[in-house]
N, C-alpha and C. Protein backbone atom coordinates (compact mmCIF):
# COMPACT_ATOMS: atom_id res chain seq x y z
N MET A 1 0.82 -1.20 0.00
CA MET A 1 0.00 0.00 0.00
C MET A 1 0.86 1.26 0.00
N ALA A 2 1.90 1.28 0.85
CA ALA A 2 2.77 2.46 0.95
C ALA A 2 3.56 2.65 -0.33
N SER A 3 4.03 1.56 -0.94
CA SER A 3 4.81 1.70 -2.18
C SER A 3 3.92 2.22 -3.31
N ARG A 4 2.66 1.78 -3.33
CA ARG A 4 1.74 2.27 -4.37
C ARG A 4 1.45 3.76 -4.16
N LEU A 5 1.32 4.19 -2.93
CA LEU A 5 1.10 5.59 -2.62
C LEU A 5 2.33 6.42 -3.00
N ASN A 6 3.51 5.91 -2.70
CA ASN A 6 4.76 6.61 -3.08
C ASN A 6 4.86 6.72 -4.60
N TRP A 7 4.48 5.66 -5.32
CA TRP A 7 4.53 5.71 -6.77
C TRP A 7 3.60 6.79 -7.30
N LYS A 8 2.38 6.88 -6.73
CA LYS A 8 1.42 7.90 -7.18
C LYS A 8 1.92 9.30 -6.86
N ILE A 9 2.54 9.48 -5.70
CA ILE A 9 3.10 10.79 -5.35
C ILE A 9 4.24 11.14 -6.30
N ASN A 10 5.11 10.19 -6.59
CA ASN A 10 6.22 10.43 -7.52
C ASN A 10 5.69 10.76 -8.91
N GLU A 11 4.67 10.04 -9.34
CA GLU A 11 4.09 10.30 -10.66
C GLU A 11 3.44 11.69 -10.69
N LEU A 12 2.75 12.07 -9.62
CA LEU A 12 2.13 13.38 -9.52
C LEU A 12 3.20 14.49 -9.55
N GLU A 13 4.29 14.30 -8.82
CA GLU A 13 5.38 15.28 -8.82
C GLU A 13 6.00 15.41 -10.22
N ARG A 14 6.18 14.27 -10.90
CA ARG A 14 6.76 14.30 -12.25
C ARG A 14 5.84 15.05 -13.20
N ARG A 15 4.55 14.79 -13.13
CA ARG A 15 3.60 15.46 -14.02
C ARG A 15 3.52 16.96 -13.72
N MET A 16 3.56 17.32 -12.45
CA MET A 16 3.53 18.74 -12.08
C MET A 16 4.78 19.44 -12.61
N ASP A 17 5.93 18.79 -12.49
CA ASP A 17 7.16 19.39 -12.98
C ASP A 17 7.11 19.57 -14.49
N GLN A 18 6.58 18.59 -15.21
CA GLN A 18 6.44 18.70 -16.66
C GLN A 18 5.50 19.84 -17.03
N MET A 19 4.41 20.00 -16.27
CA MET A 19 3.46 21.05 -16.56
C MET A 19 4.09 22.43 -16.33
N VAL A 20 4.84 22.57 -15.25
CA VAL A 20 5.51 23.85 -14.98
C VAL A 20 6.52 24.15 -16.08
N GLN A 21 7.30 23.15 -16.49
CA GLN A 21 8.27 23.36 -17.57
C GLN A 21 7.57 23.79 -18.86
N LYS A 22 6.44 23.18 -19.16
CA LYS A 22 5.68 23.53 -20.36
C LYS A 22 5.20 24.98 -20.29
N LYS A 23 4.69 25.39 -19.13
CA LYS A 23 4.18 26.76 -18.97
C LYS A 23 5.31 27.79 -19.06
N VAL A 24 6.48 27.46 -18.50
CA VAL A 24 7.63 28.36 -18.60
C VAL A 24 8.04 28.50 -20.06
N THR A 25 8.09 27.38 -20.79
CA THR A 25 8.46 27.40 -22.21
C THR A 25 7.45 28.22 -23.02
N LEU A 26 6.17 28.02 -22.76
CA LEU A 26 5.13 28.80 -23.47
C LEU A 26 5.27 30.30 -23.17
N SER A 27 5.59 30.65 -21.93
CA SER A 27 5.76 32.05 -21.55
C SER A 27 6.95 32.67 -22.30
N VAL A 28 8.06 31.95 -22.35
CA VAL A 28 9.25 32.45 -23.04
C VAL A 28 8.96 32.62 -24.53
N GLN A 29 8.29 31.65 -25.13
CA GLN A 29 7.97 31.74 -26.56
C GLN A 29 7.03 32.92 -26.84
N PHE A 30 6.05 33.15 -25.97
CA PHE A 30 5.15 34.28 -26.14
C PHE A 30 5.93 35.59 -26.05
N TYR A 31 6.82 35.69 -25.07
CA TYR A 31 7.63 36.91 -24.89
C TYR A 31 8.49 37.17 -26.12
N GLU A 32 9.12 36.13 -26.67
CA GLU A 32 9.93 36.29 -27.88
C GLU A 32 9.07 36.79 -29.05
N ARG A 33 7.87 36.23 -29.20
CA ARG A 33 6.98 36.67 -30.29
C ARG A 33 6.58 38.13 -30.10
N GLU A 34 6.31 38.54 -28.87
CA GLU A 34 5.94 39.93 -28.60
C GLU A 34 7.09 40.88 -28.94
N ILE A 35 8.32 40.49 -28.60
CA ILE A 35 9.48 41.32 -28.94
C ILE A 35 9.59 41.44 -30.46
N GLN A 36 9.42 40.33 -31.17
CA GLN A 36 9.47 40.37 -32.63
C GLN A 36 8.38 41.29 -33.20
N LYS A 37 7.18 41.25 -32.61
CA LYS A 37 6.10 42.15 -33.05
C LYS A 37 6.50 43.61 -32.86
N MET A 38 7.15 43.92 -31.73
CA MET A 38 7.58 45.29 -31.46
C MET A 38 8.53 45.79 -32.55
N PHE A 39 9.44 44.93 -32.96
CA PHE A 39 10.41 45.33 -33.99
C PHE A 39 9.76 45.50 -35.35
N ARG A 40 8.66 44.78 -35.60
CA ARG A 40 7.99 44.86 -36.91
C ARG A 40 7.00 46.01 -37.01
N LEU A 41 6.73 46.71 -35.92
CA LEU A 41 5.80 47.84 -35.99
C LEU A 41 6.34 48.89 -36.96
N PRO A 42 5.47 49.60 -37.68
CA PRO A 42 5.95 50.63 -38.61
C PRO A 42 6.66 51.76 -37.86
N LYS A 43 7.67 52.31 -38.49
CA LYS A 43 8.48 53.38 -37.89
C LYS A 43 8.16 54.71 -38.56
N THR A 44 8.39 55.80 -37.83
CA THR A 44 8.10 57.13 -38.37
C THR A 44 9.30 58.06 -38.26
N GLY A 45 10.48 57.51 -37.99
CA GLY A 45 11.67 58.35 -37.85
C GLY A 45 12.28 58.73 -39.19
N THR A 46 13.48 59.28 -39.13
CA THR A 46 14.20 59.75 -40.31
C THR A 46 14.53 58.60 -41.25
N VAL A 47 14.44 58.86 -42.54
CA VAL A 47 14.78 57.86 -43.57
C VAL A 47 16.20 58.13 -44.05
N TYR A 48 17.04 57.10 -44.00
CA TYR A 48 18.43 57.22 -44.46
C TYR A 48 18.63 56.36 -45.70
N GLY A 49 19.55 56.78 -46.55
CA GLY A 49 19.87 56.02 -47.74
C GLY A 49 18.86 56.18 -48.86
N GLU A 50 17.98 57.17 -48.72
CA GLU A 50 16.93 57.39 -49.72
C GLU A 50 17.51 58.22 -50.87
N GLU A 51 17.34 57.72 -52.07
CA GLU A 51 17.82 58.46 -53.23
C GLU A 51 16.73 59.37 -53.75
N ARG A 52 17.12 60.60 -54.05
CA ARG A 52 16.18 61.57 -54.62
C ARG A 52 16.81 62.23 -55.84
N SER A 53 15.99 62.37 -56.82
CA SER A 53 16.45 63.05 -58.01
C SER A 53 16.25 64.56 -57.82
N VAL A 54 17.32 65.32 -58.02
CA VAL A 54 17.26 66.77 -57.84
C VAL A 54 17.51 67.43 -59.20
N SER A 55 16.59 68.29 -59.60
CA SER A 55 16.73 69.02 -60.86
C SER A 55 16.65 70.51 -60.57
N PHE A 56 17.45 71.30 -61.31
CA PHE A 56 17.41 72.76 -61.13
C PHE A 56 17.96 73.43 -62.38
N LYS A 57 17.79 74.75 -62.43
CA LYS A 57 18.31 75.57 -63.53
C LYS A 57 19.51 76.34 -63.01
N THR A 58 20.55 76.37 -63.78
CA THR A 58 21.74 77.14 -63.39
C THR A 58 21.50 78.61 -63.66
N ARG A 59 22.44 79.45 -63.22
CA ARG A 59 22.31 80.91 -63.46
C ARG A 59 22.30 81.23 -64.95
N GLY A 60 22.95 80.38 -65.68
CA GLY A 60 22.99 80.60 -67.12
C GLY A 60 21.75 80.09 -67.84
N GLY A 61 20.81 79.50 -67.08
CA GLY A 61 19.56 79.03 -67.68
C GLY A 61 19.61 77.58 -68.14
N ARG A 62 20.74 76.91 -67.92
CA ARG A 62 20.84 75.51 -68.33
C ARG A 62 20.22 74.61 -67.28
N SER A 63 19.68 73.49 -67.71
CA SER A 63 19.09 72.50 -66.79
C SER A 63 20.19 71.58 -66.27
N ALA A 64 20.11 71.25 -65.01
CA ALA A 64 21.05 70.30 -64.40
C ALA A 64 20.28 69.40 -63.45
N SER A 65 20.75 68.17 -63.28
CA SER A 65 20.11 67.25 -62.33
C SER A 65 21.15 66.27 -61.82
N PHE A 66 20.87 65.74 -60.64
CA PHE A 66 21.72 64.69 -60.07
C PHE A 66 20.88 63.90 -59.08
N VAL A 67 21.42 62.76 -58.66
CA VAL A 67 20.75 61.91 -57.67
C VAL A 67 21.42 62.13 -56.34
N ALA A 68 20.64 62.54 -55.34
CA ALA A 68 21.17 62.79 -53.99
C ALA A 68 20.84 61.60 -53.10
N ASN A 69 21.78 61.22 -52.26
CA ASN A 69 21.58 60.15 -51.29
C ASN A 69 21.53 60.77 -49.91
N ARG A 70 20.37 60.70 -49.26
CA ARG A 70 20.21 61.29 -47.95
C ARG A 70 20.61 60.28 -46.88
N GLY A 71 21.43 60.65 -45.94
CA GLY A 71 21.80 59.78 -44.83
C GLY A 71 23.29 59.64 -44.70
N LYS A 72 23.68 58.97 -43.63
CA LYS A 72 25.09 58.82 -43.30
C LYS A 72 25.76 57.76 -44.15
N GLY A 73 25.02 56.71 -44.49
CA GLY A 73 25.59 55.66 -45.33
C GLY A 73 26.34 54.60 -44.56
N LEU A 74 27.01 54.95 -43.46
CA LEU A 74 27.74 53.98 -42.67
C LEU A 74 27.05 53.78 -41.34
N ASN A 75 27.03 52.56 -40.87
CA ASN A 75 26.50 52.29 -39.54
C ASN A 75 27.56 52.71 -38.54
N ALA A 76 27.21 53.57 -37.61
CA ALA A 76 28.18 54.12 -36.67
C ALA A 76 28.79 53.06 -35.76
N THR A 77 28.05 52.00 -35.48
CA THR A 77 28.54 50.96 -34.56
C THR A 77 29.54 50.03 -35.24
N THR A 78 29.21 49.56 -36.43
CA THR A 78 30.04 48.53 -37.06
C THR A 78 30.86 49.03 -38.23
N LYS A 79 30.64 50.27 -38.64
CA LYS A 79 31.33 50.85 -39.80
C LYS A 79 31.04 50.08 -41.08
N ARG A 80 29.96 49.30 -41.09
CA ARG A 80 29.56 48.61 -42.31
C ARG A 80 28.53 49.44 -43.05
N ARG A 81 28.55 49.35 -44.35
CA ARG A 81 27.61 50.11 -45.15
C ARG A 81 26.23 49.46 -45.10
N ARG A 82 25.23 50.29 -44.89
CA ARG A 82 23.85 49.79 -44.90
C ARG A 82 23.45 49.45 -46.33
N ALA A 83 22.63 48.45 -46.45
CA ALA A 83 22.12 48.09 -47.77
C ALA A 83 20.76 48.74 -47.95
N GLY A 84 20.63 49.61 -48.90
CA GLY A 84 19.34 50.19 -49.22
C GLY A 84 18.88 51.26 -48.26
N VAL A 85 17.57 51.42 -48.19
CA VAL A 85 16.93 52.47 -47.39
C VAL A 85 16.68 51.95 -45.98
N HIS A 86 16.90 52.82 -45.00
CA HIS A 86 16.64 52.47 -43.60
C HIS A 86 15.82 53.58 -42.97
N GLN A 87 14.70 53.20 -42.35
CA GLN A 87 13.90 54.19 -41.63
C GLN A 87 14.13 53.98 -40.14
N ALA A 88 14.65 55.01 -39.49
CA ALA A 88 14.93 54.95 -38.06
C ALA A 88 13.63 55.03 -37.27
N SER A 89 13.71 54.67 -36.01
CA SER A 89 12.54 54.80 -35.13
C SER A 89 12.54 56.19 -34.52
N ALA A 90 11.35 56.70 -34.28
CA ALA A 90 11.20 57.98 -33.59
C ALA A 90 11.24 57.72 -32.09
N PRO A 91 11.53 58.73 -31.28
CA PRO A 91 11.52 58.54 -29.83
C PRO A 91 10.19 57.97 -29.35
N GLY A 92 10.27 56.96 -28.49
CA GLY A 92 9.08 56.30 -27.97
C GLY A 92 8.65 55.08 -28.75
N GLU A 93 9.14 54.93 -29.98
CA GLU A 93 8.84 53.74 -30.78
C GLU A 93 9.88 52.66 -30.48
N PRO A 94 9.54 51.39 -30.69
CA PRO A 94 10.56 50.34 -30.57
C PRO A 94 11.67 50.57 -31.60
N PRO A 95 12.88 50.09 -31.33
CA PRO A 95 13.98 50.32 -32.27
C PRO A 95 13.69 49.76 -33.66
N ALA A 96 14.17 50.46 -34.66
CA ALA A 96 14.05 49.98 -36.04
C ALA A 96 15.16 48.95 -36.28
N ILE A 97 14.88 47.99 -37.13
CA ILE A 97 15.88 46.97 -37.45
C ILE A 97 16.83 47.53 -38.50
N ASP A 98 18.13 47.52 -38.18
CA ASP A 98 19.15 47.98 -39.11
C ASP A 98 19.99 46.77 -39.52
N LEU A 99 20.81 46.29 -38.62
CA LEU A 99 21.62 45.11 -38.89
C LEU A 99 20.96 43.83 -38.40
N GLY A 100 19.91 43.95 -37.61
CA GLY A 100 19.17 42.78 -37.14
C GLY A 100 19.70 42.14 -35.88
N LEU A 101 20.71 42.74 -35.23
CA LEU A 101 21.29 42.13 -34.05
C LEU A 101 20.30 42.06 -32.89
N LEU A 102 19.55 43.12 -32.66
CA LEU A 102 18.61 43.14 -31.54
C LEU A 102 17.40 42.25 -31.78
N SER A 103 17.04 42.04 -33.02
CA SER A 103 15.84 41.25 -33.32
C SER A 103 16.09 39.75 -33.22
N LYS A 104 17.34 39.33 -33.06
CA LYS A 104 17.66 37.91 -32.91
C LYS A 104 17.62 37.56 -31.42
N VAL A 105 16.43 37.22 -30.96
CA VAL A 105 16.22 36.92 -29.55
C VAL A 105 16.56 35.46 -29.29
N THR A 106 17.32 35.23 -28.22
CA THR A 106 17.68 33.87 -27.82
C THR A 106 17.21 33.64 -26.40
N HIS A 107 17.02 32.37 -26.05
CA HIS A 107 16.62 32.07 -24.69
C HIS A 107 17.28 30.79 -24.20
N LYS A 108 17.33 30.67 -22.89
CA LYS A 108 17.88 29.48 -22.24
C LYS A 108 17.00 29.21 -21.02
N ILE A 109 16.48 28.01 -20.92
CA ILE A 109 15.66 27.61 -19.77
C ILE A 109 16.45 26.58 -18.98
N GLU A 110 16.60 26.84 -17.70
CA GLU A 110 17.41 25.97 -16.84
C GLU A 110 16.58 25.53 -15.65
N LYS A 111 16.63 24.23 -15.35
CA LYS A 111 15.91 23.72 -14.19
C LYS A 111 16.79 23.97 -12.96
N VAL A 112 16.21 24.60 -11.95
CA VAL A 112 16.99 24.91 -10.74
C VAL A 112 16.47 24.16 -9.52
N GLY A 113 15.42 23.40 -9.66
CA GLY A 113 14.85 22.63 -8.56
C GLY A 113 13.53 22.03 -8.99
N TRP A 114 12.87 21.33 -8.04
CA TRP A 114 11.59 20.73 -8.37
C TRP A 114 10.58 21.83 -8.65
N CYS A 115 9.96 21.78 -9.80
CA CYS A 115 8.97 22.78 -10.27
C CYS A 115 9.53 24.19 -10.23
N SER A 116 10.83 24.32 -10.44
CA SER A 116 11.47 25.63 -10.41
C SER A 116 12.41 25.76 -11.61
N TYR A 117 12.16 26.77 -12.44
CA TYR A 117 12.95 26.97 -13.65
C TYR A 117 13.40 28.42 -13.74
N LYS A 118 14.54 28.62 -14.37
CA LYS A 118 15.06 29.97 -14.61
C LYS A 118 15.16 30.16 -16.11
N ALA A 119 14.57 31.22 -16.61
CA ALA A 119 14.61 31.52 -18.04
C ALA A 119 15.44 32.77 -18.26
N GLN A 120 16.38 32.70 -19.18
CA GLN A 120 17.19 33.86 -19.57
C GLN A 120 16.86 34.17 -21.02
N ILE A 121 16.50 35.41 -21.27
CA ILE A 121 16.15 35.85 -22.62
C ILE A 121 17.03 37.03 -22.96
N GLY A 122 17.67 36.99 -24.10
CA GLY A 122 18.57 38.07 -24.48
C GLY A 122 18.67 38.22 -25.98
N THR A 123 19.51 39.18 -26.39
CA THR A 123 19.73 39.43 -27.80
C THR A 123 21.23 39.48 -28.07
N HIS A 124 21.59 39.36 -29.33
CA HIS A 124 23.00 39.44 -29.70
C HIS A 124 23.53 40.86 -29.57
N GLY A 125 22.65 41.84 -29.61
CA GLY A 125 23.06 43.23 -29.50
C GLY A 125 22.86 43.77 -28.09
N SER A 126 23.02 42.91 -27.10
CA SER A 126 22.68 43.31 -25.74
C SER A 126 23.59 44.40 -25.18
N LYS A 127 24.71 44.69 -25.83
CA LYS A 127 25.58 45.76 -25.34
C LYS A 127 24.89 47.11 -25.39
N TYR A 128 24.07 47.33 -26.38
CA TYR A 128 23.40 48.63 -26.51
C TYR A 128 21.89 48.53 -26.35
N ALA A 129 21.38 47.36 -26.03
CA ALA A 129 19.93 47.19 -25.88
C ALA A 129 19.39 48.04 -24.73
N ALA A 130 20.11 48.11 -23.63
CA ALA A 130 19.64 48.90 -22.48
C ALA A 130 19.59 50.38 -22.82
N PHE A 131 20.54 50.86 -23.62
CA PHE A 131 20.54 52.27 -24.02
C PHE A 131 19.29 52.58 -24.85
N LEU A 132 18.92 51.66 -25.73
CA LEU A 132 17.72 51.86 -26.54
C LEU A 132 16.46 51.76 -25.69
N GLU A 133 16.43 50.79 -24.80
CA GLU A 133 15.22 50.56 -23.99
C GLU A 133 14.93 51.73 -23.05
N TYR A 134 15.95 52.25 -22.40
CA TYR A 134 15.74 53.28 -21.37
C TYR A 134 16.19 54.68 -21.80
N GLY A 135 16.89 54.78 -22.93
CA GLY A 135 17.37 56.07 -23.39
C GLY A 135 18.66 56.48 -22.70
N THR A 136 19.24 57.57 -23.16
CA THR A 136 20.47 58.13 -22.59
C THR A 136 20.25 59.63 -22.41
N SER A 137 21.29 60.31 -21.98
CA SER A 137 21.17 61.76 -21.84
C SER A 137 21.02 62.44 -23.19
N ARG A 138 21.40 61.76 -24.27
CA ARG A 138 21.35 62.35 -25.62
C ARG A 138 20.31 61.71 -26.53
N MET A 139 19.65 60.66 -26.05
CA MET A 139 18.70 59.94 -26.91
C MET A 139 17.49 59.52 -26.09
N ALA A 140 16.32 59.74 -26.63
CA ALA A 140 15.09 59.32 -25.96
C ALA A 140 14.96 57.79 -26.04
N ALA A 141 14.23 57.24 -25.11
CA ALA A 141 14.04 55.79 -25.05
C ALA A 141 13.27 55.28 -26.26
N ARG A 142 13.63 54.06 -26.67
CA ARG A 142 12.92 53.35 -27.73
C ARG A 142 12.59 51.96 -27.19
N PRO A 143 11.56 51.89 -26.33
CA PRO A 143 11.29 50.64 -25.60
C PRO A 143 10.69 49.54 -26.47
N ALA A 144 11.14 48.32 -26.25
CA ALA A 144 10.57 47.15 -26.90
C ALA A 144 10.39 46.02 -25.90
N TRP A 145 11.34 45.83 -25.01
CA TRP A 145 11.33 44.69 -24.10
C TRP A 145 10.33 44.88 -22.96
N VAL A 146 10.25 46.06 -22.38
CA VAL A 146 9.29 46.30 -21.29
C VAL A 146 7.85 46.21 -21.80
N PRO A 147 7.50 46.83 -22.95
CA PRO A 147 6.13 46.65 -23.46
C PRO A 147 5.80 45.18 -23.76
N ALA A 148 6.79 44.42 -24.23
CA ALA A 148 6.56 42.99 -24.48
C ALA A 148 6.32 42.25 -23.17
N LEU A 149 7.03 42.65 -22.12
CA LEU A 149 6.84 42.05 -20.81
C LEU A 149 5.45 42.38 -20.24
N VAL A 150 4.99 43.60 -20.46
CA VAL A 150 3.64 43.99 -20.03
C VAL A 150 2.60 43.14 -20.77
N ALA A 151 2.80 42.90 -22.05
CA ALA A 151 1.89 42.05 -22.83
C ALA A 151 1.91 40.62 -22.29
N LEU A 152 3.10 40.12 -21.90
CA LEU A 152 3.22 38.77 -21.33
C LEU A 152 2.45 38.70 -20.01
N GLN A 153 2.59 39.71 -19.16
CA GLN A 153 1.87 39.71 -17.89
C GLN A 153 0.36 39.68 -18.10
N ALA A 154 -0.12 40.40 -19.10
CA ALA A 154 -1.54 40.41 -19.39
C ALA A 154 -2.02 39.06 -19.93
N HIS A 155 -1.12 38.33 -20.60
CA HIS A 155 -1.47 37.05 -21.22
C HIS A 155 -1.24 35.85 -20.29
N MET A 156 -0.60 36.05 -19.13
CA MET A 156 -0.25 34.96 -18.24
C MET A 156 -1.46 34.14 -17.78
N PRO A 157 -2.63 34.72 -17.48
CA PRO A 157 -3.76 33.87 -17.09
C PRO A 157 -4.13 32.84 -18.16
N GLN A 158 -4.04 33.22 -19.45
CA GLN A 158 -4.33 32.27 -20.53
C GLN A 158 -3.25 31.20 -20.60
N ILE A 159 -1.98 31.57 -20.39
CA ILE A 159 -0.90 30.59 -20.46
C ILE A 159 -1.02 29.60 -19.31
N ILE A 160 -1.26 30.10 -18.10
CA ILE A 160 -1.33 29.23 -16.94
C ILE A 160 -2.61 28.39 -16.95
N GLY A 161 -3.72 29.00 -17.35
CA GLY A 161 -4.99 28.28 -17.32
C GLY A 161 -5.22 27.37 -18.50
N GLY A 162 -4.60 27.68 -19.65
CA GLY A 162 -4.84 26.89 -20.85
C GLY A 162 -4.04 25.61 -20.87
N GLU A 163 -4.46 24.69 -21.66
CA GLU A 163 -3.73 23.42 -21.80
C GLU A 163 -3.02 23.35 -23.10
């Protein structure tokens, strides 16, 4: 009788642990999707690398035209040339994707005890992610991770209650 009761308790503990792991994984996946949604929102900031045709008349009355390229052309962080047109984010908007480093979200889930898990979520561009999220003395914040976390908190009852 006691061994059968122990087996049922062990089976119950195993199932509970599996359920908690599943809910943690679902939460992390939801958070990653929300971050990706933030990066895909339309931007309204300055457009760089945009070509414009400029035509004018000289003092002598002759017509002249050329193609102007608006923007810096080089990425200040990596000194690599941007490909094509890039629209920056305005203050208060999530960061615009330039090289894609911040949009590559990675996660690691680690079991730390019975029904206890630790999830780490980060990006490849984490060196400057905090500056974008909270702003600096020279740049307004461009939050993406905190709004995604707020969306996760609002969705947690569905994650925990759903199967």
